[in-house]
Each structure stands twice: as structure tokens, then as C-alpha cells.
C-alpha atoms as a PDB file:
ATOM      1  CA  MET A   1       1.901  41.429   8.437  1.00  0.00           C
ATOM      2  CA  ARG A   2      -1.396  41.617  10.584  1.00  0.00           C
ATOM      3  CA  ALA A   3      -1.769  37.663  10.459  1.00  0.00           C
ATOM      4  CA  VAL A   4       1.961  37.074  11.476  1.00  0.00           C
ATOM      5  CA  VAL A   5       1.239  40.187  14.962  1.00  0.00           C
ATOM      6  CA  ALA A   6      -2.665  37.687  15.356  1.00  0.00           C
ATOM      7  CA  VAL A   7      -0.468  34.693  15.088  1.00  0.00           C
ATOM      8  CA  ALA A   8       2.480  35.983  17.500  1.00  0.00           C
ATOM      9  CA  ILE A   9      -0.214  37.519  19.788  1.00  0.00           C
ATOM     10  CA  LEU A  10      -2.263  33.898  20.325  1.00  0.00           C
ATOM     11  CA  ALA A  11       1.413  31.619  20.723  1.00  0.00           C
ATOM     12  CA  ALA A  12       1.880  33.995  23.680  1.00  0.00           C
ATOM     13  CA  LEU A  13      -1.457  33.637  25.036  1.00  0.00           C
ATOM     14  CA  TRP A  14      -1.547  29.835  25.115  1.00  0.00           C
ATOM     15  CA  VAL A  15       0.074  27.725  27.333  1.00  0.00           C
ATOM     16  CA  PRO A  16       0.308  23.824  25.779  1.00  0.00           C
ATOM     17  CA  ASN A  17      -0.359  20.952  28.378  1.00  0.00           C
ATOM     18  CA  ALA A  18       2.313  18.513  28.847  1.00  0.00           C
ATOM     19  CA  ALA A  19       0.771  15.876  25.673  1.00  0.00           C
ATOM     20  CA  GLY A  20       0.772  19.171  23.828  1.00  0.00           C
ATOM     21  CA  GLN A  21       4.374  19.763  24.687  1.00  0.00           C
ATOM     22  CA  ASN A  22       5.287  16.179  23.849  1.00  0.00           C
ATOM     23  CA  ASP A  23       3.731  16.806  20.807  1.00  0.00           C
ATOM     24  CA  ALA A  24       5.351  19.485  20.176  1.00  0.00           C
ATOM     25  CA  ARG A  25       8.749  18.078  20.383  1.00  0.00           C
ATOM     26  CA  LYS A  26       7.905  15.480  18.244  1.00  0.00           C
ATOM     27  CA  ALA A  27       7.107  17.851  15.396  1.00  0.00           C
ATOM     28  CA  ALA A  28       9.964  19.679  15.917  1.00  0.00           C
ATOM     29  CA  LYS A  29      12.328  16.771  15.703  1.00  0.00           C
ATOM     30  CA  SER A  30      10.658  15.117  12.882  1.00  0.00           C
ATOM     31  CA  THR A  31      12.087  15.701   9.219  1.00  0.00           C
ATOM     32  CA  ALA A  32       8.734  15.245   7.565  1.00  0.00           C
ATOM     33  CA  PRO A  33       7.312  17.989   6.014  1.00  0.00           C
ATOM     34  CA  ARG A  34       3.954  19.554   6.941  1.00  0.00           C
ATOM     35  CA  THR A  35       1.609  21.156   5.281  1.00  0.00           C
ATOM     36  CA  ARG A  36       0.066  24.818   5.759  1.00  0.00           C
ATOM     37  CA  GLU A  37      -2.598  22.976   8.394  1.00  0.00           C
ATOM     38  CA  GLY A  38      -0.020  21.287  10.000  1.00  0.00           C
ATOM     39  CA  LYS A  39      -0.430  17.666   9.263  1.00  0.00           C
ATOM     40  CA  PRO A  40       2.798  15.695   7.635  1.00  0.00           C
ATOM     41  CA  ASP A  41       2.756  15.946   3.882  1.00  0.00           C
ATOM     42  CA  LEU A  42       2.253  12.958   2.181  1.00  0.00           C
ATOM     43  CA  THR A  43       2.866  14.595  -1.307  1.00  0.00           C
ATOM     44  CA  GLY A  44       5.292  12.509  -3.614  1.00  0.00           C
ATOM     45  CA  VAL A  45       6.243   9.572  -5.244  1.00  0.00           C
ATOM     46  CA  TRP A  46       7.131   6.583  -2.923  1.00  0.00           C
ATOM     47  CA  GLN A  47       7.922   2.835  -3.410  1.00  0.00           C
ATOM     48  CA  GLY A  48       6.196   0.116  -1.528  1.00  0.00           C
ATOM     49  CA  GLY A  49       7.745  -2.706   0.569  1.00  0.00           C
ATOM     50  CA  SER A  50      11.511  -0.644   0.933  1.00  0.00           C
ATOM     51  CA  THR A  51      13.636   0.581   3.612  1.00  0.00           C
ATOM     52  CA  THR A  52      16.164   1.818   1.216  1.00  0.00           C
ATOM     53  CA  PRO A  53      16.470   5.444   0.951  1.00  0.00           C
ATOM     54  CA  GLY A  54      17.475   7.223  -2.664  1.00  0.00           C
ATOM     55  CA  SER A  55      16.564   7.234  -5.929  1.00  0.00           C
ATOM     56  CA  TRP A  56      14.845   5.260  -7.968  1.00  0.00           C
ATOM     57  CA  GLU A  57      17.823   3.995  -9.421  1.00  0.00           C
ATOM     58  CA  GLU A  58      20.021   4.315  -6.155  1.00  0.00           C
ATOM     59  CA  ALA A  59      17.331   1.778  -4.248  1.00  0.00           C
ATOM     60  CA  ASN A  60      17.113  -0.686  -7.101  1.00  0.00           C
ATOM     61  CA  ALA A  61      20.697  -1.751  -7.980  1.00  0.00           C
ATOM     62  CA  GLY A  62      20.235  -4.692  -7.493  1.00  0.00           C
ATOM     63  CA  THR A  63      20.028  -7.796  -9.515  1.00  0.00           C
ATOM     64  CA  GLY A  64      16.935  -9.612  -9.912  1.00  0.00           C
ATOM     65  CA  VAL A  65      12.969  -9.063 -10.261  1.00  0.00           C
ATOM     66  CA  GLY A  66      12.918  -5.449 -10.219  1.00  0.00           C
ATOM     67  CA  GLY A  67      16.818  -4.396 -10.115  1.00  0.00           C
ATOM     68  CA  THR A  68      18.454  -2.151 -12.464  1.00  0.00           C
ATOM     69  CA  GLY A  69      21.987  -5.044 -11.999  1.00  0.00           C
ATOM     70  CA  LYS A  70      24.473  -2.521 -11.185  1.00  0.00           C
ATOM     71  CA  ASP A  71      24.963  -3.499  -8.149  1.00  0.00           C
ATOM     72  CA  PRO A  72      24.868  -7.540  -7.028  1.00  0.00           C
ATOM     73  CA  SER A  73      24.705  -6.850  -3.334  1.00  0.00           C
ATOM     74  CA  ALA A  74      22.189  -4.114  -3.116  1.00  0.00           C
ATOM     75  CA  PRO A  75      18.223  -5.299  -2.173  1.00  0.00           C
ATOM     76  CA  VAL A  76      16.058  -6.468  -5.008  1.00  0.00           C
ATOM     77  CA  ALA A  77      12.600  -4.558  -5.017  1.00  0.00           C
ATOM     78  CA  LEU A  78       9.660  -7.274  -4.043  1.00  0.00           C
ATOM     79  CA  SER A  79       7.164  -8.119  -6.806  1.00  0.00           C
ATOM     80  CA  SER A  80       3.651  -8.714  -4.772  1.00  0.00           C
ATOM     81  CA  ASN A  81       3.655 -12.533  -4.763  1.00  0.00           C
ATOM     82  CA  ASP A  82       6.927 -12.297  -2.622  1.00  0.00           C
ATOM     83  CA  ARG A  83       5.250 -12.783   0.875  1.00  0.00           C
ATOM     84  CA  PRO A  84       3.760 -16.154   1.321  1.00  0.00           C
ATOM     85  CA  ALA A  85       0.581 -16.087   3.282  1.00  0.00           C
ATOM     86  CA  GLY A  86       2.951 -17.797   6.514  1.00  0.00           C
ATOM     87  CA  ARG A  87       5.408 -15.497   6.784  1.00  0.00           C
ATOM     88  CA  GLU A  88       3.859 -12.950   8.519  1.00  0.00           C
ATOM     89  CA  GLY A  89       1.092 -15.147  10.452  1.00  0.00           C
ATOM     90  CA  ALA A  90      -1.765 -15.259   7.716  1.00  0.00           C
ATOM     91  CA  PRO A  91      -4.943 -16.764  10.411  1.00  0.00           C
ATOM     92  CA  TYR A  92      -6.579 -18.379   7.754  1.00  0.00           C
ATOM     93  CA  GLN A  93      -9.045 -20.740   9.245  1.00  0.00           C
ATOM     94  CA  PRO A  94      -8.185 -24.559   7.973  1.00  0.00           C
ATOM     95  CA  TRP A  95     -10.068 -24.708   5.028  1.00  0.00           C
ATOM     96  CA  ALA A  96      -8.647 -21.332   3.917  1.00  0.00           C
ATOM     97  CA  ALA A  97      -5.185 -22.422   4.727  1.00  0.00           C
ATOM     98  CA  GLU A  98      -5.883 -25.299   2.564  1.00  0.00           C
ATOM     99  CA  LYS A  99      -6.681 -23.393  -0.749  1.00  0.00           C
ATOM    100  CA  VAL A 100      -4.071 -20.880  -0.131  1.00  0.00           C
ATOM    101  CA  LEU A 101      -1.302 -23.440  -0.011  1.00  0.00           C
ATOM    102  CA  GLN A 102      -3.314 -25.222  -3.116  1.00  0.00           C
ATOM    103  CA  SER A 103      -2.719 -22.268  -4.865  1.00  0.00           C
ATOM    104  CA  PHE A 104       1.071 -22.033  -3.660  1.00  0.00           C
ATOM    105  CA  LYS A 105       1.751 -25.370  -4.799  1.00  0.00           C
ATOM    106  CA  ASN A 106      -0.216 -24.376  -8.140  1.00  0.00           C
ATOM    107  CA  ARG A 107       2.339 -21.878  -8.420  1.00  0.00           C
ATOM    108  CA  GLY A 108      -0.187 -18.965  -8.714  1.00  0.00           C
ATOM    109  CA  ILE A 109      -1.802 -19.801 -11.644  1.00  0.00           C
ATOM    110  CA  ASP A 110      -5.105 -18.400 -10.279  1.00  0.00           C
ATOM    111  CA  ASP A 111      -3.502 -14.964 -10.041  1.00  0.00           C
ATOM    112  CA  PRO A 112      -5.823 -12.294 -10.504  1.00  0.00           C
ATOM    113  CA  ALA A 113      -3.219 -10.025 -12.319  1.00  0.00           C
ATOM    114  CA  ALA A 114      -2.730 -12.259 -14.791  1.00  0.00           C
ATOM    115  CA  LEU A 115      -6.207 -11.395 -16.135  1.00  0.00           C
ATOM    116  CA  CYS A 116      -4.936  -7.685 -15.539  1.00  0.00           C
ATOM    117  CA  LEU A 117      -7.260  -6.760 -13.207  1.00  0.00           C
ATOM    118  CA  PRO A 118      -6.294  -4.570 -10.184  1.00  0.00           C
ATOM    119  CA  LEU A 119      -4.747  -5.827  -7.249  1.00  0.00           C
ATOM    120  CA  GLY A 120      -6.670  -4.450  -4.543  1.00  0.00           C
ATOM    121  CA  LEU A 121      -5.554  -3.367  -0.709  1.00  0.00           C
ATOM    122  CA  PRO A 122      -2.815  -3.711   0.884  1.00  0.00           C
ATOM    123  CA  ARG A 123      -1.308  -5.941  -2.063  1.00  0.00           C
ATOM    124  CA  LEU A 124      -1.196  -3.137  -4.222  1.00  0.00           C
ATOM    125  CA  PRO A 125       0.819  -0.569  -1.953  1.00  0.00           C
ATOM    126  CA  MET A 126       2.934  -2.868  -1.055  1.00  0.00           C
ATOM    127  CA  LEU A 127       3.999  -3.547  -4.551  1.00  0.00           C
ATOM    128  CA  GLY A 128       7.732  -2.546  -5.358  1.00  0.00           C
ATOM    129  CA  LEU A 129       8.352  -3.015  -8.441  1.00  0.00           C
ATOM    130  CA  PHE A 130       5.989   0.131  -9.644  1.00  0.00           C
ATOM    131  CA  PRO A 131       5.519   3.881  -7.940  1.00  0.00           C
ATOM    132  CA  GLN A 132       2.726   4.880  -6.496  1.00  0.00           C
ATOM    133  CA  GLN A 133       1.920   8.975  -6.034  1.00  0.00           C
ATOM    134  CA  ILE A 134       0.205  10.809  -3.160  1.00  0.00           C
ATOM    135  CA  ILE A 135      -1.261  14.108  -3.452  1.00  0.00           C
ATOM    136  CA  GLN A 136      -2.699  15.249  -0.573  1.00  0.00           C
ATOM    137  CA  THR A 137      -5.068  18.419   0.025  1.00  0.00           C
ATOM    138  CA  PRO A 138      -6.890  19.003   3.375  1.00  0.00           C
ATOM    139  CA  ALA A 139     -10.384  17.637   1.789  1.00  0.00           C
ATOM    140  CA  GLN A 140      -8.965  14.661   0.289  1.00  0.00           C
ATOM    141  CA  VAL A 141      -6.040  12.613  -0.540  1.00  0.00           C
ATOM    142  CA  VAL A 142      -5.204  10.659  -3.556  1.00  0.00           C
ATOM    143  CA  ILE A 143      -3.019   8.103  -4.889  1.00  0.00           C
ATOM    144  CA  LEU A 144      -2.338   6.652  -8.278  1.00  0.00           C
ATOM    145  CA  TYR A 145      -0.684   3.480  -8.632  1.00  0.00           C
ATOM    146  CA  GLU A 146       1.362   3.249 -11.893  1.00  0.00           C
ATOM    147  CA  TYR A 147       0.506  -0.864 -11.976  1.00  0.00           C
ATOM    148  CA  MET A 148      -2.882  -1.053 -13.795  1.00  0.00           C
ATOM    149  CA  GLY A 149      -2.960   2.633 -13.670  1.00  0.00           C
ATOM    150  CA  VAL A 150      -6.003   2.571 -10.724  1.00  0.00           C
ATOM    151  CA  PHE A 151      -6.127   5.222  -8.540  1.00  0.00           C
ATOM    152  CA  ARG A 152      -8.130   5.833  -5.271  1.00  0.00           C
ATOM    153  CA  VAL A 153      -9.944   9.468  -3.791  1.00  0.00           C
ATOM    154  CA  ILE A 154      -9.573   9.392  -0.226  1.00  0.00           C
ATOM    155  CA  PRO A 155     -12.139  12.204   1.329  1.00  0.00           C
ATOM    156  CA  LEU A 156     -11.452  13.116   5.070  1.00  0.00           C
ATOM    157  CA  ASN A 157     -13.676  13.394   8.137  1.00  0.00           C
ATOM    158  CA  VAL A 158     -16.696  11.659   6.232  1.00  0.00           C
ATOM    159  CA  PRO A 159     -18.832   8.267   6.375  1.00  0.00           C
ATOM    160  CA  HIS A 160     -18.999   5.846   3.814  1.00  0.00           C
ATOM    161  CA  PRO A 161     -21.609   6.322   1.359  1.00  0.00           C
ATOM    162  CA  ASP A 162     -24.614   4.195   1.635  1.00  0.00           C
ATOM    163  CA  ASN A 163     -25.132   2.575  -1.947  1.00  0.00           C
ATOM    164  CA  LEU A 164     -21.507   1.038  -1.834  1.00  0.00           C
ATOM    165  CA  LEU A 165     -20.931  -1.627  -4.786  1.00  0.00           C
ATOM    166  CA  PRO A 166     -18.545  -4.336  -4.041  1.00  0.00           C
ATOM    167  CA  SER A 167     -15.052  -3.193  -6.143  1.00  0.00           C
ATOM    168  CA  TYR A 168     -11.758  -3.835  -6.299  1.00  0.00           C
ATOM    169  CA  MET A 169     -10.347  -1.368  -4.188  1.00  0.00           C
ATOM    170  CA  GLY A 170     -13.207  -0.720  -2.052  1.00  0.00           C
ATOM    171  CA  ASN A 171     -14.237   2.371  -0.732  1.00  0.00           C
ATOM    172  CA  SER A 172     -12.200   4.771   1.234  1.00  0.00           C
ATOM    173  CA  VAL A 173     -12.775   7.537   3.655  1.00  0.00           C
ATOM    174  CA  GLY A 174      -9.763   8.803   5.827  1.00  0.00           C
ATOM    175  CA  HIS A 175      -8.911  10.949   9.313  1.00  0.00           C
ATOM    176  CA  TRP A 176      -6.347  12.140  11.056  1.00  0.00           C
ATOM    177  CA  GLU A 177      -5.148  10.283  14.633  1.00  0.00           C
ATOM    178  CA  GLY A 178      -2.484  13.056  15.256  1.00  0.00           C
ATOM    179  CA  ASP A 179       0.857  12.597  12.497  1.00  0.00           C
ATOM    180  CA  THR A 180      -0.987   9.085  11.492  1.00  0.00           C
ATOM    181  CA  LEU A 181      -3.478   8.973   8.735  1.00  0.00           C
ATOM    182  CA  VAL A 182      -6.519   6.425   9.463  1.00  0.00           C
ATOM    183  CA  VAL A 183      -8.081   4.953   6.349  1.00  0.00           C
ATOM    184  CA  ASP A 184     -10.667   2.895   7.009  1.00  0.00           C
ATOM    185  CA  VAL A 185     -11.562   0.760   3.567  1.00  0.00           C
ATOM    186  CA  THR A 186     -14.582  -1.415   2.863  1.00  0.00           C
ATOM    187  CA  GLY A 187     -16.979  -2.451   0.340  1.00  0.00           C
ATOM    188  CA  PHE A 188     -14.663  -5.117  -1.561  1.00  0.00           C
ATOM    189  CA  ASN A 189     -15.534  -7.941  -4.126  1.00  0.00           C
ATOM    190  CA  ASP A 190     -13.757 -11.058  -3.971  1.00  0.00           C
ATOM    191  CA  LYS A 191     -11.580 -10.991  -6.563  1.00  0.00           C
ATOM    192  CA  THR A 192      -8.340  -9.763  -5.696  1.00  0.00           C
ATOM    193  CA  TRP A 193      -5.485 -11.438  -3.092  1.00  0.00           C
ATOM    194  CA  LEU A 194      -4.233  -9.467   0.013  1.00  0.00           C
ATOM    195  CA  SER A 195      -0.541  -9.806   0.219  1.00  0.00           C
ATOM    196  CA  GLY A 196       1.370 -12.718  -1.913  1.00  0.00           C
ATOM    197  CA  THR A 197       0.210 -16.089  -3.380  1.00  0.00           C
ATOM    198  CA  GLY A 198      -3.144 -17.433  -3.393  1.00  0.00           C
ATOM    199  CA  THR A 199      -4.506 -14.997  -0.326  1.00  0.00           C
ATOM    200  CA  PHE A 200      -7.909 -14.760  -1.277  1.00  0.00           C
ATOM    201  CA  HIS A 201     -10.565 -12.665   0.665  1.00  0.00           C
ATOM    202  CA  SER A 202     -14.110 -12.728   0.859  1.00  0.00           C
ATOM    203  CA  ASP A 203     -16.256  -9.973   0.094  1.00  0.00           C
ATOM    204  CA  SER A 204     -16.890  -8.856   3.745  1.00  0.00           C
ATOM    205  CA  LEU A 205     -13.004  -8.164   3.366  1.00  0.00           C
ATOM    206  CA  HIS A 206     -12.386  -4.999   5.918  1.00  0.00           C
ATOM    207  CA  ILE A 207      -9.428  -2.658   6.170  1.00  0.00           C
ATOM    208  CA  VAL A 208      -7.959  -0.118   8.408  1.00  0.00           C
ATOM    209  CA  GLU A 209      -4.405   1.572   6.705  1.00  0.00           C
ATOM    210  CA  ARG A 210      -2.330   3.853   8.794  1.00  0.00           C
ATOM    211  CA  TYR A 211       0.191   6.190   6.540  1.00  0.00           C
ATOM    212  CA  THR A 212       2.842   7.658   9.478  1.00  0.00           C
ATOM    213  CA  ARG A 213       4.873   9.593   7.672  1.00  0.00           C
ATOM    214  CA  VAL A 214       8.162   9.428  10.433  1.00  0.00           C
ATOM    215  CA  ASN A 215      10.566  11.390   8.002  1.00  0.00           C
ATOM    216  CA  LYS A 216      11.590  12.868   4.801  1.00  0.00           C
ATOM    217  CA  ASP A 217      12.505   9.551   3.190  1.00  0.00           C
ATOM    218  CA  ARG A 218       9.571   7.024   4.833  1.00  0.00           C
ATOM    219  CA  ILE A 219       5.935   6.482   5.458  1.00  0.00           C
ATOM    220  CA  ASN A 220       5.466   3.540   7.771  1.00  0.00           C
ATOM    221  CA  TYR A 221       2.821   1.812   6.525  1.00  0.00           C
ATOM    222  CA  ASP A 222       0.754  -0.401   8.803  1.00  0.00           C
ATOM    223  CA  VAL A 223      -2.538  -2.443   8.054  1.00  0.00           C
ATOM    224  CA  THR A 224      -5.163  -4.016  10.113  1.00  0.00           C
ATOM    225  CA  ILE A 225      -6.967  -6.764   8.170  1.00  0.00           C
ATOM    226  CA  GLU A 226     -10.346  -8.229   9.104  1.00  0.00           C
ATOM    227  CA  ASP A 227     -12.211 -11.305   7.409  1.00  0.00           C
ATOM    228  CA  PRO A 228     -14.594 -13.096   8.998  1.00  0.00           C
ATOM    229  CA  LYS A 229     -15.478 -15.412   6.543  1.00  0.00           C
ATOM    230  CA  VAL A 230     -12.067 -16.960   6.125  1.00  0.00           C
ATOM    231  CA  LEU A 231      -9.571 -15.503   8.611  1.00  0.00           C
ATOM    232  CA  THR A 232     -10.114 -16.214  12.821  1.00  0.00           C
ATOM    233  CA  LYS A 233      -8.735 -12.900  14.055  1.00  0.00           C
ATOM    234  CA  GLN A 234      -7.178  -9.598  11.856  1.00  0.00           C
ATOM    235  CA  TRP A 235      -4.328 -10.016  10.117  1.00  0.00           C
ATOM    236  CA  VAL A 236      -1.966  -7.314  10.905  1.00  0.00           C
ATOM    237  CA  ILE A 237       0.855  -6.247   8.501  1.00  0.00           C
ATOM    238  CA  HIS A 238       3.593  -4.064   8.969  1.00  0.00           C
ATOM    239  CA  THR A 239       5.578  -2.648   5.839  1.00  0.00           C
ATOM    240  CA  SER A 240       6.795   0.666   4.764  1.00  0.00           C
ATOM    241  CA  MET A 241       7.347   3.239   1.768  1.00  0.00           C
ATOM    242  CA  MET A 242      10.048   5.269   0.490  1.00  0.00           C
ATOM    243  CA  LEU A 243       9.985   8.724  -1.033  1.00  0.00           C
ATOM    244  CA  ARG A 244      11.698   8.581  -4.551  1.00  0.00           C
ATOM    245  CA  GLU A 245      12.417  11.921  -5.733  1.00  0.00           C
ATOM    246  CA  GLY A 246      12.820  12.594  -9.194  1.00  0.00           C
ATOM    247  CA  THR A 247      11.137   9.456 -10.032  1.00  0.00           C
ATOM    248  CA  ARG A 248       7.282   9.943 -12.373  1.00  0.00           C
ATOM    249  CA  LEU A 249       4.536   7.761 -12.917  1.00  0.00           C
ATOM    250  CA  GLU A 250       4.525   6.361 -16.241  1.00  0.00           C
ATOM    251  CA  GLU A 251       1.398   4.489 -18.848  1.00  0.00           C
ATOM    252  CA  TYR A 252       0.717   1.040 -18.024  1.00  0.00           C
ATOM    253  CA  VAL A 253      -1.374  -1.078 -20.297  1.00  0.00           C
ATOM    254  CA  CYS A 254      -1.314  -4.947 -18.908  1.00  0.00           C
ATOM    255  CA  ALA A 255      -4.237  -6.127 -21.359  1.00  0.00           C
ATOM    256  CA  GLU A 256      -1.598  -5.113 -24.507  1.00  0.00           C
ATOM    257  CA  ASN A 257       1.130  -7.833 -24.241  1.00  0.00           C
ATOM    258  CA  ASN A 258      -0.126 -10.278 -21.588  1.00  0.00           C
ATOM    259  CA  LEU A 259       1.404 -13.372 -22.153  1.00  0.00           C
ATOM    260  CA  ASP A 260       0.012 -15.088 -18.617  1.00  0.00           C
ATOM    261  CA  PRO A 261      -3.020 -16.331 -19.462  1.00  0.00           C
ATOM    262  CA  GLY A 262      -1.526 -19.088 -22.071  1.00  0.00           C
ATOM    263  CA  TYR A 263       1.068 -19.975 -19.838  1.00  0.00           C
ATOM    264  CA  TYR A 264      -1.365 -20.879 -17.348  1.00  0.00           C
ATOM    265  CA  GLU A 265      -3.602 -22.813 -19.698  1.00  0.00           C
ATOM    266  CA  LYS A 266      -0.385 -24.788 -20.626  1.00  0.00           C
ATOM    267  CA  LEU A 267       0.833 -25.180 -16.982  1.00  0.00           C
ATOM    268  CA  ILE A 268      -3.046 -26.757 -16.298  1.00  0.00           C
ATOM    269  CA  LYS A 269      -3.003 -28.836 -19.114  1.00  0.00           C
ATOM    270  CA  GLU A 270       0.675 -30.004 -19.009  1.00  0.00           C
ATOM    271  CA  GLY A 271       1.375 -30.005 -15.417  1.00  0.00           C
ATOM    272  CA  ILE A 272       3.557 -27.482 -13.151  1.00  0.00           C
ATOM    273  CA  GLN A 273       6.896 -28.850 -14.791  1.00  0.00           C
ATOM    274  CA  PHE A 274       6.217 -26.512 -17.589  1.00  0.00           C
ATOM    275  CA  GLN A 275       8.490 -23.753 -17.728  1.00  0.00           C
ATOM    276  CA  ARG A 276       8.313 -20.368 -19.289  1.00  0.00           C
ATOM    277  CA  PRO A 277      10.209 -20.001 -21.878  1.00  0.00           C
END
């Protein structure tokens, strides 16, 4: 009771400025849940690359890859190769663009995922075929990805360590800018793709992610990609994640029954006309 009274007194004494009033109005209009600290709560199981609300089954009722086939008119969940480099204006240097094109012509036989390697960023968060779970605390945000069993621990309001080793997922640190979680990621190796077939990068990759929960069902996911070794300028991608209540992450073991390397060896030997059975 004393705490409630104290809060009431403080509220009565505080007179917000215009900016504060605007923030308060935005918060009141938003249907996004908030934490006890007043930040948007990103906790939940999400599907990347979608704008369709509902359960996993409802949102993926279409036919084709990732669909249940219940509704042929419904949209289909995108795989991580369904966003070719040119679709959103990837600004590759000429030599790098030629390398991306060659990979695309070869049907992505050099895809790191074929070797059961982690997809990396931002390809993995945008993958629509598998769920991802966000767990949020005041000190850190943890993201679990069903695909490849990969995870990220994102501490808040701390610098990057000085002794980073190059890695598939890089090193992430975050902070809040208003209602947006901003995550700075560096310390990558050069063994993943960014978004779609052949979209390689160097070990100079630097990514800034922005997670904005705009309502109960949706997080806007905006990514700024920098890589001076292969890009001519920043590459900015805008997409979203949708809440999938009732969905849980399951075990994923890629190497247990991985047939892709064998198929790709046939493609190399027999040419790209080879068709999978």
C-alpha cells in the first residue's frame, strides 16, 4: 500500500513535457504488453518474415514450402533462400555481385546451411520455416532459434568485449531507444549468408538490428548491414515477426539425416540439370 501511495504522489507532482506527453499517448494507444520496467515486452515465440496473425497453423495454411496445405490461397512461409540479393537492393561491389550471381546460377550449391552450419544474421531471424523464442529480462535478452539449435545472449547497456573471436552469430550487445530494442552485432566470421542465395559477406560485417513491438502480434524487424570489403554502402532490410501463441520450440538435429551434400556433389559432377528425387 505504501508503495502505491508513493507512486501516486510522485505522479501528481510530475508534470511531463511535450515529448513525454507524446510518448505517453503512444504507449496508451499501443496494444503491445510491457514489462514492470515499462519497456515493450518482446517475450514470446515468433515467426520471422511474416505479417499474418494467428496461430502457427492458421498463419501457414497455404501450400508449398512451410505450408500445411489447408488453404491454397493462404501465404506460404518463406525459406531463407526466398530473398534473392537484388530484391531489396543489396549494394554489392561489382566483383562481389558477380560472385553472388554465380552462386545463384549454381542453385546455391555452396550454401553453408547444406553443411548444417548456423545461418548467421540477419538470415536466421528472417527465416519463416522455424519458430524463434525471445526471453526478456531487465539485464539481457535471450533469443532461441529452433533451426540448428542456435541461441543468442544479448546483454543490455554494456560494451562489446575486447577479446572477441570470429563466430557465426557474432557478438551482440543491446540498449533501448524509446520503445525499440537496438542490438549492435560485430565479431563475425565470413562463413554465412546474409539473406538469400549467395549473399556472402566478409569478416568485417557489422549489423545493427532494431526490434519494435508495434502491437500484441507484431515486431517490426529492421536491419542495417555494413561491410566495407564487399558492399558499396549500407544495406537496410525491413521485415517483421509475428507472435505464434501456443507454439513451442522443438529439437532440431541437422546432421542426423543431411542429404544435401550428396545432392550438391551430383550437381557439381553432372551439372545443374540434375534434379533431386
